[in-house]
Protein backbone atom coordinates (compact mmCIF):
# COMPACT_ATOMS: atom_id res chain seq x y z
CA MET A 1 17.03 11.14 -14.82
CA THR A 2 13.45 12.38 -15.91
CA SER A 3 11.62 14.73 -13.56
CA MET A 4 9.02 11.85 -13.25
CA GLU A 5 11.66 9.59 -11.67
CA HIS A 6 13.13 12.39 -9.54
CA VAL A 7 9.50 12.84 -7.92
CA ALA A 8 9.24 9.09 -7.32
CA ASP A 9 12.82 9.12 -5.38
CA VAL A 10 11.74 12.12 -3.43
CA HIS A 11 8.48 10.36 -2.41
CA LEU A 12 10.62 7.27 -1.52
CA LYS A 13 13.08 8.90 0.28
CA LYS A 14 10.20 10.61 2.55
CA LEU A 15 8.39 7.15 2.84
CA SER A 16 11.89 5.19 3.92
CA ASP A 17 12.36 8.08 6.22
CA MET A 18 9.01 7.46 8.24
CA PRO A 19 9.29 6.44 11.73
CA GLY A 20 8.07 2.80 12.39
CA GLN A 21 8.15 2.04 8.27
CA LEU A 22 9.22 -1.68 8.02
CA GLY A 23 8.88 -1.99 4.33
CA VAL A 24 8.12 0.35 1.16
CA LEU A 25 6.86 -0.82 -2.52
CA VAL A 26 6.28 1.65 -5.28
CA VAL A 27 4.36 -0.23 -8.18
CA SER A 28 3.57 0.89 -11.47
CA GLU A 29 -0.24 0.90 -12.65
CA SER A 30 0.51 -1.98 -14.61
CA GLY A 31 2.20 -3.82 -11.49
CA ALA A 32 5.57 -3.48 -12.47
CA ILE A 33 7.90 -2.81 -9.34
CA ILE A 34 9.73 0.73 -9.38
CA ALA A 35 11.19 0.67 -5.89
CA SER A 36 11.18 -1.61 -2.88
CA ARG A 37 12.97 -1.54 0.68
CA GLY A 38 12.66 -3.26 3.78
CA ASP A 39 10.24 -6.08 4.08
CA PHE A 40 9.13 -5.60 0.59
CA VAL A 41 12.25 -5.99 -1.13
CA ASN A 42 11.74 -7.36 -4.67
CA ASP A 43 8.30 -8.85 -3.27
CA SER A 44 6.38 -8.95 -6.38
CA VAL A 45 3.74 -11.58 -4.98
CA THR A 46 3.02 -8.75 -2.49
CA GLY A 47 2.67 -6.12 -4.58
CA THR A 48 0.57 -7.84 -7.37
CA THR A 49 -2.09 -9.11 -4.38
CA ILE A 50 -2.03 -5.72 -2.69
CA LEU A 51 -2.63 -4.04 -6.13
CA LYS A 52 -5.52 -6.33 -6.92
CA LEU A 53 -7.07 -5.55 -3.71
CA PHE A 54 -6.63 -1.57 -4.25
CA ARG A 55 -8.23 -2.07 -7.83
CA THR A 56 -11.37 -3.96 -6.02
CA ALA A 57 -11.66 -1.06 -3.44
CA TYR A 58 -11.54 1.63 -5.99
CA GLU A 59 -14.11 0.05 -8.02
CA ILE A 60 -16.80 0.10 -4.96
CA THR A 61 -19.44 2.67 -5.54
CA LEU A 62 -21.71 3.89 -2.77
CA PRO A 63 -25.49 4.97 -3.78
CA ASP A 64 -25.59 8.70 -4.53
CA SER A 65 -21.90 9.26 -4.30
CA PRO A 66 -19.18 9.82 -7.42
CA CYS A 67 -16.39 9.27 -4.68
CA ARG A 68 -14.06 6.49 -5.40
CA ALA A 69 -11.67 4.97 -2.79
CA LYS A 70 -8.26 6.62 -2.51
CA ARG A 71 -6.27 5.00 0.19
CA LEU A 72 -6.47 1.35 1.37
CA SER A 73 -5.38 0.55 4.94
CA LEU A 74 -4.80 -3.32 5.79
CA TYR A 75 -4.42 -3.79 9.65
CA PHE A 76 -2.84 -6.94 10.97
CA ASN A 77 -1.74 -7.82 14.84
CA ASP A 78 1.38 -5.89 14.92
CA HIS A 79 1.69 -3.62 11.68
CA VAL A 80 -0.59 -1.97 8.93
CA ILE A 81 -0.25 -1.54 5.24
CA VAL A 82 -1.12 1.58 3.69
CA VAL A 83 -1.84 2.13 0.06
CA THR A 84 -2.10 5.05 -1.82
CA ALA A 85 -1.84 6.06 -5.56
CA SER A 86 -0.10 9.23 -6.62
CA ASN A 87 1.43 10.28 -9.87
CA LYS A 88 0.51 6.80 -11.56
CA ARG A 89 2.28 4.93 -9.26
CA ILE A 90 1.26 3.06 -6.45
CA TYR A 91 2.82 3.55 -3.03
CA ILE A 92 2.45 0.38 -0.71
CA VAL A 93 4.11 1.54 3.23
CA LYS A 94 4.37 -1.23 6.05
CA LEU A 95 4.20 0.38 9.33
CA MET A 96 4.63 -0.95 13.00
CA LEU A 97 1.76 -0.41 15.14
CA PRO A 98 2.73 1.25 18.48
CA GLN A 99 1.10 -1.99 20.26
CA LYS A 100 -0.50 -5.37 19.35
CA VAL A 101 -4.08 -4.59 17.83
CA GLU A 102 -6.54 -7.25 18.29
CA VAL A 103 -8.11 -8.20 14.92
CA GLU A 104 -11.56 -9.86 15.46
CA THR A 105 -12.69 -12.24 13.04
CA ASP A 106 -16.11 -14.27 12.58
CA ASN A 107 -15.22 -17.62 12.98
CA ASP A 108 -17.68 -18.87 10.53
CA VAL A 109 -15.60 -16.60 7.78
CA THR A 110 -12.80 -18.48 5.98
CA ILE A 111 -10.43 -15.70 5.10
């Protein structure tokens, strides 16, 4: 086991032990699944879709700011998906929300 694989295993263990965690997906920058647990076991479709969203968020630039997005949070009624990048890996974690959150949508917008 290389030191990089060991670091990924340590991060995965910590993520898997989080209270309210429903699923974990670790993907490479190219989109290959490195590890998966819970609701995300071998879910390459979700991984690819979220990776595209994350890349899009990273490309957003604000006027007069050199900063780029480092994390992405997707809120649903009963859970949130948090995405962050570290060590050339993208960590996707699905967490249960403590109570249902009403998500407002504009009726004229098709999602």
